[in-house]
Amino acid sequence: MSTIDNVTGVPGIFKRSNTGRESTDIVLSHILEGLVDGTFIPGQRINAKSLTEELNVSIVPVREALHYLAGEGLVELLALKGARIPTMNPDQTIRWWDIYCWLSRRAIVEVPKFLANDPTLVKQIDQAVASMFDSVKLENPRRFIMTLLNFHKILNSICGLSEVDEAVRRLQVVYWCTYLPNFIDFKLYGQEFADHYSQVADLIKVGAGEAAFSMFEFHVIWSSALIRGEKPEPGRPWVP
């Protein structure tokens, strides 16, 4: 596992190859960690000189890391002004969330047939769900979101859908998901997020793949309403 894989605390979420330069990888890990923990927020400038002092590296690996991340769409390079974290508004976030919903469909629908052939795979799903509920208690929204993405990654792995994982990487799903805490109060709704995923998992385990996806689609519609500013009472029935 690379240094960058480790930044989220959830294996493989920020999966990239090492650059082969230790100092550059240190800078990359620092920035990715900051995106997850909220140290770097949308619109924030990244001061290259400050990074050299904070991380005790030269300016060269800092520039390499920033150019690498710019190529991935994670930062914007500013002429003569360094770099900054891009911004994303609620409508953009909702559109990406909807794209991810349909990108997740195949694994959710197909995974039950794999569980039927190998019941031990159920344990992986149960552990992923348990980590969500554990993460809710930590009150770190971005880390909690990583556990949700890890759930999907496990489903993709069970189904052998490495192509979907690659699509997730190329679409920078992890990055735009870190914007969700800017629009959703996870202290208020985090438990309900985990409950919805738990219901998806329960339907998968009884072989109801289509119903599981319908539940996930409902979750995306519900959470999109939160992003738009709706404030339903937690735990109460909600109708789109």
C-alpha atoms as a PDB file:
ATOM      1  CA  MET A   1       0.000   0.000   0.000  1.00  0.00           C
ATOM      2  CA  SER A   2       1.416   3.407  -0.933  1.00  0.00           C
ATOM      3  CA  THR A   3       1.853   6.361   1.370  1.00  0.00           C
ATOM      4  CA  ILE A   4      -1.068   8.056  -0.370  1.00  0.00           C
ATOM      5  CA  ASP A   5      -3.349   5.077   0.198  1.00  0.00           C
ATOM      6  CA  ASN A   6      -2.891   5.571   3.924  1.00  0.00           C
ATOM      7  CA  VAL A   7      -4.045   9.160   4.181  1.00  0.00           C
ATOM      8  CA  THR A   8      -7.738   8.416   4.614  1.00  0.00           C
ATOM      9  CA  GLY A   9      -7.387   5.607   7.117  1.00  0.00           C
ATOM     10  CA  VAL A  10      -9.505   3.506   4.741  1.00  0.00           C
ATOM     11  CA  PRO A  11      -7.368   1.247   2.526  1.00  0.00           C
ATOM     12  CA  GLY A  12      -7.313   2.050  -1.153  1.00  0.00           C
ATOM     13  CA  ILE A  13      -9.678   5.043  -1.189  1.00  0.00           C
ATOM     14  CA  PHE A  14      -7.058   7.509  -2.460  1.00  0.00           C
ATOM     15  CA  LYS A  15      -5.329   4.828  -4.520  1.00  0.00           C
ATOM     16  CA  ARG A  16      -2.515   6.179  -6.660  1.00  0.00           C
ATOM     17  CA  SER A  17       0.954   5.064  -7.609  1.00  0.00           C
ATOM     18  CA  ASN A  18       3.888   6.592  -5.809  1.00  0.00           C
ATOM     19  CA  THR A  19       5.770   9.175  -7.791  1.00  0.00           C
ATOM     20  CA  GLY A  20       9.050   7.492  -6.872  1.00  0.00           C
ATOM     21  CA  ARG A  21      10.218  10.629  -5.074  1.00  0.00           C
ATOM     22  CA  GLU A  22       9.870  10.415  -1.310  1.00  0.00           C
ATOM     23  CA  SER A  23       9.692  14.174  -0.704  1.00  0.00           C
ATOM     24  CA  THR A  24       7.009  14.631  -3.375  1.00  0.00           C
ATOM     25  CA  ASP A  25       4.970  11.795  -1.883  1.00  0.00           C
ATOM     26  CA  ILE A  26       5.192  13.446   1.535  1.00  0.00           C
ATOM     27  CA  VAL A  27       3.692  16.634   0.102  1.00  0.00           C
ATOM     28  CA  LEU A  28       0.994  14.695  -1.770  1.00  0.00           C
ATOM     29  CA  SER A  29      -0.002  12.805   1.365  1.00  0.00           C
ATOM     30  CA  HIS A  30      -0.096  16.012   3.387  1.00  0.00           C
ATOM     31  CA  ILE A  31      -2.457  17.740   0.948  1.00  0.00           C
ATOM     32  CA  LEU A  32      -4.713  14.707   0.515  1.00  0.00           C
ATOM     33  CA  GLU A  33      -4.874  14.273   4.282  1.00  0.00           C
ATOM     34  CA  GLY A  34      -5.830  17.919   4.537  1.00  0.00           C
ATOM     35  CA  LEU A  35      -8.658  17.470   2.044  1.00  0.00           C
ATOM     36  CA  VAL A  36     -10.086  14.628   4.108  1.00  0.00           C
ATOM     37  CA  ASP A  37      -9.674  16.324   7.495  1.00  0.00           C
ATOM     38  CA  GLY A  38     -10.739  19.778   6.357  1.00  0.00           C
ATOM     39  CA  THR A  39      -7.352  21.430   6.830  1.00  0.00           C
ATOM     40  CA  PHE A  40      -7.650  22.462   3.185  1.00  0.00           C
ATOM     41  CA  ILE A  41     -11.071  23.824   2.313  1.00  0.00           C
ATOM     42  CA  PRO A  42     -12.652  24.961  -0.984  1.00  0.00           C
ATOM     43  CA  GLY A  43     -11.218  28.233  -2.219  1.00  0.00           C
ATOM     44  CA  GLN A  44      -8.216  28.114   0.108  1.00  0.00           C
ATOM     45  CA  ARG A  45      -4.846  29.177  -1.244  1.00  0.00           C
ATOM     46  CA  ILE A  46      -1.956  26.727  -0.907  1.00  0.00           C
ATOM     47  CA  ASN A  47       1.250  28.523  -0.067  1.00  0.00           C
ATOM     48  CA  ALA A  48       4.182  26.592  -1.519  1.00  0.00           C
ATOM     49  CA  LYS A  49       6.764  28.303   0.699  1.00  0.00           C
ATOM     50  CA  SER A  50       4.754  27.484   3.831  1.00  0.00           C
ATOM     51  CA  LEU A  51       4.641  23.832   2.790  1.00  0.00           C
ATOM     52  CA  THR A  52       8.420  23.711   2.399  1.00  0.00           C
ATOM     53  CA  GLU A  53       8.838  24.995   5.949  1.00  0.00           C
ATOM     54  CA  GLU A  54       6.094  22.856   7.472  1.00  0.00           C
ATOM     55  CA  LEU A  55       7.229  19.628   5.816  1.00  0.00           C
ATOM     56  CA  ASN A  56      10.957  20.366   5.782  1.00  0.00           C
ATOM     57  CA  VAL A  57      11.313  19.807   2.043  1.00  0.00           C
ATOM     58  CA  SER A  58      12.642  21.922  -0.803  1.00  0.00           C
ATOM     59  CA  ILE A  59      10.438  23.872  -3.196  1.00  0.00           C
ATOM     60  CA  VAL A  60      10.977  21.338  -6.005  1.00  0.00           C
ATOM     61  CA  PRO A  61       8.887  18.471  -4.528  1.00  0.00           C
ATOM     62  CA  VAL A  62       6.200  20.959  -3.510  1.00  0.00           C
ATOM     63  CA  ARG A  63       5.910  22.171  -7.091  1.00  0.00           C
ATOM     64  CA  GLU A  64       5.955  18.599  -8.390  1.00  0.00           C
ATOM     65  CA  ALA A  65       3.145  17.632  -6.005  1.00  0.00           C
ATOM     66  CA  LEU A  66       1.042  20.668  -6.925  1.00  0.00           C
ATOM     67  CA  HIS A  67       1.443  20.015 -10.650  1.00  0.00           C
ATOM     68  CA  TYR A  68       0.556  16.367 -10.114  1.00  0.00           C
ATOM     69  CA  LEU A  69      -2.593  17.288  -8.179  1.00  0.00           C
ATOM     70  CA  ALA A  70      -3.493  19.931 -10.758  1.00  0.00           C
ATOM     71  CA  GLY A  71      -3.349  17.237 -13.427  1.00  0.00           C
ATOM     72  CA  GLU A  72      -5.753  15.184 -11.313  1.00  0.00           C
ATOM     73  CA  GLY A  73      -8.101  18.150 -10.903  1.00  0.00           C
ATOM     74  CA  LEU A  74      -7.542  18.392  -7.150  1.00  0.00           C
ATOM     75  CA  VAL A  75      -5.961  21.859  -7.154  1.00  0.00           C
ATOM     76  CA  GLU A  76      -5.931  24.875  -9.456  1.00  0.00           C
ATOM     77  CA  LEU A  77      -2.609  26.450 -10.393  1.00  0.00           C
ATOM     78  CA  LEU A  78      -2.643  30.251 -10.280  1.00  0.00           C
ATOM     79  CA  ALA A  79      -0.264  32.296 -12.409  1.00  0.00           C
ATOM     80  CA  LEU A  80       2.426  33.707 -10.106  1.00  0.00           C
ATOM     81  CA  LYS A  81       0.188  33.032  -7.100  1.00  0.00           C
ATOM     82  CA  GLY A  82       0.737  29.372  -6.282  1.00  0.00           C
ATOM     83  CA  ALA A  83      -2.330  27.150  -6.113  1.00  0.00           C
ATOM     84  CA  ARG A  84      -5.716  26.838  -4.464  1.00  0.00           C
ATOM     85  CA  ILE A  85      -8.380  24.256  -3.703  1.00  0.00           C
ATOM     86  CA  PRO A  86     -11.208  24.513  -6.280  1.00  0.00           C
ATOM     87  CA  THR A  87     -14.716  25.383  -5.172  1.00  0.00           C
ATOM     88  CA  MET A  88     -17.900  23.456  -5.843  1.00  0.00           C
ATOM     89  CA  ASN A  89     -21.462  24.693  -5.366  1.00  0.00           C
ATOM     90  CA  PRO A  90     -24.446  22.619  -4.155  1.00  0.00           C
ATOM     91  CA  ASP A  91     -25.827  22.011  -7.664  1.00  0.00           C
ATOM     92  CA  GLN A  92     -22.479  20.688  -8.902  1.00  0.00           C
ATOM     93  CA  THR A  93     -22.173  18.444  -5.852  1.00  0.00           C
ATOM     94  CA  ILE A  94     -25.665  17.041  -6.400  1.00  0.00           C
ATOM     95  CA  ARG A  95     -24.922  16.292 -10.065  1.00  0.00           C
ATOM     96  CA  TRP A  96     -21.777  14.381  -9.129  1.00  0.00           C
ATOM     97  CA  TRP A  97     -23.644  12.547  -6.381  1.00  0.00           C
ATOM     98  CA  ASP A  98     -26.255  11.447  -8.939  1.00  0.00           C
ATOM     99  CA  ILE A  99     -23.509  10.260 -11.305  1.00  0.00           C
ATOM    100  CA  TYR A 100     -21.963   8.227  -8.500  1.00  0.00           C
ATOM    101  CA  CYS A 101     -25.372   6.702  -7.723  1.00  0.00           C
ATOM    102  CA  TRP A 102     -25.618   5.199 -11.190  1.00  0.00           C
ATOM    103  CA  LEU A 103     -21.936   4.289 -11.245  1.00  0.00           C
ATOM    104  CA  SER A 104     -22.638   2.195  -8.131  1.00  0.00           C
ATOM    105  CA  ARG A 105     -25.692   0.443  -9.507  1.00  0.00           C
ATOM    106  CA  ARG A 106     -24.096  -2.583 -11.114  1.00  0.00           C
ATOM    107  CA  ALA A 107     -22.200  -3.719  -8.013  1.00  0.00           C
ATOM    108  CA  ILE A 108     -25.190  -3.215  -5.711  1.00  0.00           C
ATOM    109  CA  VAL A 109     -27.469  -5.220  -7.993  1.00  0.00           C
ATOM    110  CA  GLU A 110     -25.002  -7.996  -8.807  1.00  0.00           C
ATOM    111  CA  VAL A 111     -23.238  -8.567  -5.496  1.00  0.00           C
ATOM    112  CA  PRO A 112     -25.955 -10.866  -3.991  1.00  0.00           C
ATOM    113  CA  LYS A 113     -25.134 -13.675  -6.440  1.00  0.00           C
ATOM    114  CA  PHE A 114     -21.502 -13.610  -5.311  1.00  0.00           C
ATOM    115  CA  LEU A 115     -22.540 -13.819  -1.665  1.00  0.00           C
ATOM    116  CA  ALA A 116     -24.616 -16.879  -2.471  1.00  0.00           C
ATOM    117  CA  ASN A 117     -21.503 -18.623  -3.773  1.00  0.00           C
ATOM    118  CA  ASP A 118     -19.273 -17.507  -0.914  1.00  0.00           C
ATOM    119  CA  PRO A 119     -21.105 -16.605   2.316  1.00  0.00           C
ATOM    120  CA  THR A 120     -17.815 -15.530   3.944  1.00  0.00           C
ATOM    121  CA  LEU A 121     -17.990 -12.381   1.816  1.00  0.00           C
ATOM    122  CA  VAL A 122     -20.889 -11.254   3.991  1.00  0.00           C
ATOM    123  CA  LYS A 123     -18.353 -10.618   6.753  1.00  0.00           C
ATOM    124  CA  GLN A 124     -16.602  -7.996   4.610  1.00  0.00           C
ATOM    125  CA  ILE A 125     -19.867  -6.144   4.120  1.00  0.00           C
ATOM    126  CA  ASP A 126     -20.731  -6.359   7.816  1.00  0.00           C
ATOM    127  CA  GLN A 127     -17.309  -4.976   8.756  1.00  0.00           C
ATOM    128  CA  ALA A 128     -17.716  -2.095   6.303  1.00  0.00           C
ATOM    129  CA  VAL A 129     -21.089  -1.196   7.818  1.00  0.00           C
ATOM    130  CA  ALA A 130     -19.709  -1.480  11.350  1.00  0.00           C
ATOM    131  CA  SER A 131     -16.908   0.931  10.464  1.00  0.00           C
ATOM    132  CA  MET A 132     -19.525   3.478   9.338  1.00  0.00           C
ATOM    133  CA  PHE A 133     -21.283   3.429  12.687  1.00  0.00           C
ATOM    134  CA  ASP A 134     -17.939   3.595  14.525  1.00  0.00           C
ATOM    135  CA  SER A 135     -16.910   6.553  12.383  1.00  0.00           C
ATOM    136  CA  VAL A 136     -20.144   8.444  13.103  1.00  0.00           C
ATOM    137  CA  LYS A 137     -19.135   8.530  16.771  1.00  0.00           C
ATOM    138  CA  LEU A 138     -15.813  10.198  15.902  1.00  0.00           C
ATOM    139  CA  GLU A 139     -17.656  13.258  14.538  1.00  0.00           C
ATOM    140  CA  ASN A 140     -15.211  13.648  11.665  1.00  0.00           C
ATOM    141  CA  PRO A 141     -17.509  13.989   8.627  1.00  0.00           C
ATOM    142  CA  ARG A 142     -14.839  13.557   5.963  1.00  0.00           C
ATOM    143  CA  ARG A 143     -13.475  10.402   7.575  1.00  0.00           C
ATOM    144  CA  PHE A 144     -17.042   9.130   7.843  1.00  0.00           C
ATOM    145  CA  ILE A 145     -17.533   9.722   4.118  1.00  0.00           C
ATOM    146  CA  MET A 146     -14.435   7.626   3.428  1.00  0.00           C
ATOM    147  CA  THR A 147     -16.115   4.667   5.164  1.00  0.00           C
ATOM    148  CA  LEU A 148     -19.127   5.075   2.855  1.00  0.00           C
ATOM    149  CA  LEU A 149     -16.883   5.051  -0.194  1.00  0.00           C
ATOM    150  CA  ASN A 150     -15.053   2.029   1.189  1.00  0.00           C
ATOM    151  CA  PHE A 151     -18.386   0.164   1.327  1.00  0.00           C
ATOM    152  CA  HIS A 152     -18.789   0.688  -2.424  1.00  0.00           C
ATOM    153  CA  LYS A 153     -15.172  -0.275  -3.027  1.00  0.00           C
ATOM    154  CA  ILE A 154     -15.748  -3.585  -1.232  1.00  0.00           C
ATOM    155  CA  LEU A 155     -18.828  -4.294  -3.362  1.00  0.00           C
ATOM    156  CA  ASN A 156     -16.824  -3.547  -6.516  1.00  0.00           C
ATOM    157  CA  SER A 157     -14.072  -5.883  -5.309  1.00  0.00           C
ATOM    158  CA  ILE A 158     -16.508  -8.717  -4.602  1.00  0.00           C
ATOM    159  CA  CYS A 159     -17.975  -8.350  -8.097  1.00  0.00           C
ATOM    160  CA  GLY A 160     -14.570  -7.971  -9.759  1.00  0.00           C
ATOM    161  CA  LEU A 161     -15.445  -4.507 -11.067  1.00  0.00           C
ATOM    162  CA  SER A 162     -11.977  -2.983 -11.113  1.00  0.00           C
ATOM    163  CA  GLU A 163     -13.109  -0.829 -14.048  1.00  0.00           C
ATOM    164  CA  VAL A 164     -15.625   0.904 -11.799  1.00  0.00           C
ATOM    165  CA  ASP A 165     -12.899   1.626  -9.251  1.00  0.00           C
ATOM    166  CA  GLU A 166     -10.819   3.144 -12.034  1.00  0.00           C
ATOM    167  CA  ALA A 167     -13.783   5.262 -13.142  1.00  0.00           C
ATOM    168  CA  VAL A 168     -14.221   6.425  -9.543  1.00  0.00           C
ATOM    169  CA  ARG A 169     -10.569   7.428  -9.443  1.00  0.00           C
ATOM    170  CA  ARG A 170     -10.673   9.249 -12.766  1.00  0.00           C
ATOM    171  CA  LEU A 171     -13.847  11.122 -11.819  1.00  0.00           C
ATOM    172  CA  GLN A 172     -12.247  12.199  -8.517  1.00  0.00           C
ATOM    173  CA  VAL A 173     -15.227  10.919  -6.556  1.00  0.00           C
ATOM    174  CA  VAL A 174     -13.279  10.991  -3.296  1.00  0.00           C
ATOM    175  CA  TYR A 175     -12.410  14.641  -3.812  1.00  0.00           C
ATOM    176  CA  TRP A 176     -15.894  15.985  -4.523  1.00  0.00           C
ATOM    177  CA  CYS A 177     -17.353  13.856  -1.733  1.00  0.00           C
ATOM    178  CA  THR A 178     -15.224  15.868   0.703  1.00  0.00           C
ATOM    179  CA  TYR A 179     -17.486  18.803  -0.166  1.00  0.00           C
ATOM    180  CA  LEU A 180     -20.544  17.111   1.368  1.00  0.00           C
ATOM    181  CA  PRO A 181     -19.798  18.379   4.922  1.00  0.00           C
ATOM    182  CA  ASN A 182     -19.951  21.930   3.565  1.00  0.00           C
ATOM    183  CA  PHE A 183     -23.644  21.422   2.830  1.00  0.00           C
ATOM    184  CA  ILE A 184     -24.787  18.650   5.210  1.00  0.00           C
ATOM    185  CA  ASP A 185     -24.782  18.695   9.015  1.00  0.00           C
ATOM    186  CA  PHE A 186     -23.322  15.270   9.735  1.00  0.00           C
ATOM    187  CA  LYS A 187     -23.673  15.735  13.484  1.00  0.00           C
ATOM    188  CA  LEU A 188     -27.404  15.801  12.844  1.00  0.00           C
ATOM    189  CA  TYR A 189     -27.699  13.388   9.911  1.00  0.00           C
ATOM    190  CA  GLY A 190     -24.633  11.131  10.095  1.00  0.00           C
ATOM    191  CA  GLN A 191     -26.486   8.379  11.957  1.00  0.00           C
ATOM    192  CA  GLU A 192     -29.216   8.395   9.317  1.00  0.00           C
ATOM    193  CA  PHE A 193     -26.604   8.156   6.559  1.00  0.00           C
ATOM    194  CA  ALA A 194     -25.213   5.026   8.234  1.00  0.00           C
ATOM    195  CA  ASP A 195     -28.725   3.632   8.772  1.00  0.00           C
ATOM    196  CA  HIS A 196     -29.497   3.974   5.057  1.00  0.00           C
ATOM    197  CA  TYR A 197     -26.310   2.139   4.108  1.00  0.00           C
ATOM    198  CA  SER A 198     -27.105  -0.542   6.668  1.00  0.00           C
ATOM    199  CA  GLN A 199     -30.492  -1.052   4.995  1.00  0.00           C
ATOM    200  CA  VAL A 200     -28.774  -1.330   1.609  1.00  0.00           C
ATOM    201  CA  ALA A 201     -26.447  -3.973   3.050  1.00  0.00           C
ATOM    202  CA  ASP A 202     -29.320  -5.913   4.638  1.00  0.00           C
ATOM    203  CA  LEU A 203     -31.174  -6.072   1.306  1.00  0.00           C
ATOM    204  CA  ILE A 204     -28.005  -7.201  -0.459  1.00  0.00           C
ATOM    205  CA  LYS A 205     -27.506  -9.990   2.077  1.00  0.00           C
ATOM    206  CA  VAL A 206     -31.004 -11.391   1.500  1.00  0.00           C
ATOM    207  CA  GLY A 207     -30.442 -11.395  -2.249  1.00  0.00           C
ATOM    208  CA  ALA A 208     -32.565  -8.359  -3.105  1.00  0.00           C
ATOM    209  CA  GLY A 209     -30.124  -6.463  -5.314  1.00  0.00           C
ATOM    210  CA  GLU A 210     -32.688  -4.332  -7.151  1.00  0.00           C
ATOM    211  CA  ALA A 211     -34.373  -3.372  -3.888  1.00  0.00           C
ATOM    212  CA  ALA A 212     -30.961  -2.528  -2.436  1.00  0.00           C
ATOM    213  CA  PHE A 213     -30.279  -0.156  -5.303  1.00  0.00           C
ATOM    214  CA  SER A 214     -33.725   1.421  -4.894  1.00  0.00           C
ATOM    215  CA  MET A 215     -32.826   2.077  -1.255  1.00  0.00           C
ATOM    216  CA  PHE A 216     -29.501   3.593  -2.265  1.00  0.00           C
ATOM    217  CA  GLU A 217     -31.217   5.736  -4.893  1.00  0.00           C
ATOM    218  CA  PHE A 218     -33.615   6.970  -2.197  1.00  0.00           C
ATOM    219  CA  HIS A 219     -30.602   7.792  -0.013  1.00  0.00           C
ATOM    220  CA  VAL A 220     -29.051   9.861  -2.806  1.00  0.00           C
ATOM    221  CA  ILE A 221     -32.319  11.748  -3.382  1.00  0.00           C
ATOM    222  CA  TRP A 222     -32.691  12.352   0.376  1.00  0.00           C
ATOM    223  CA  SER A 223     -29.110  13.538   0.831  1.00  0.00           C
ATOM    224  CA  SER A 224     -29.417  15.742  -2.271  1.00  0.00           C
ATOM    225  CA  ALA A 225     -32.365  17.423  -0.570  1.00  0.00           C
ATOM    226  CA  LEU A 226     -30.108  18.097   2.420  1.00  0.00           C
ATOM    227  CA  ILE A 227     -27.519  19.637   0.115  1.00  0.00           C
ATOM    228  CA  ARG A 228     -30.224  21.933  -1.291  1.00  0.00           C
ATOM    229  CA  GLY A 229     -30.955  23.125   2.225  1.00  0.00           C
ATOM    230  CA  GLU A 230     -33.895  20.986   3.348  1.00  0.00           C
ATOM    231  CA  LYS A 231     -33.839  20.070   7.033  1.00  0.00           C
ATOM    232  CA  PRO A 232     -36.052  17.007   7.599  1.00  0.00           C
ATOM    233  CA  GLU A 233     -36.409  15.799  11.155  1.00  0.00           C
ATOM    234  CA  PRO A 234     -33.829  13.024  11.709  1.00  0.00           C
ATOM    235  CA  GLY A 235     -35.320   9.567  11.931  1.00  0.00           C
ATOM    236  CA  ARG A 236     -38.720  10.644  10.674  1.00  0.00           C
ATOM    237  CA  PRO A 237     -40.262   9.435   7.378  1.00  0.00           C
ATOM    238  CA  TRP A 238     -39.288  11.631   4.455  1.00  0.00           C
ATOM    239  CA  VAL A 239     -40.995  11.845   1.078  1.00  0.00           C
ATOM    240  CA  PRO A 240     -39.199  13.328  -1.983  1.00  0.00           C
END
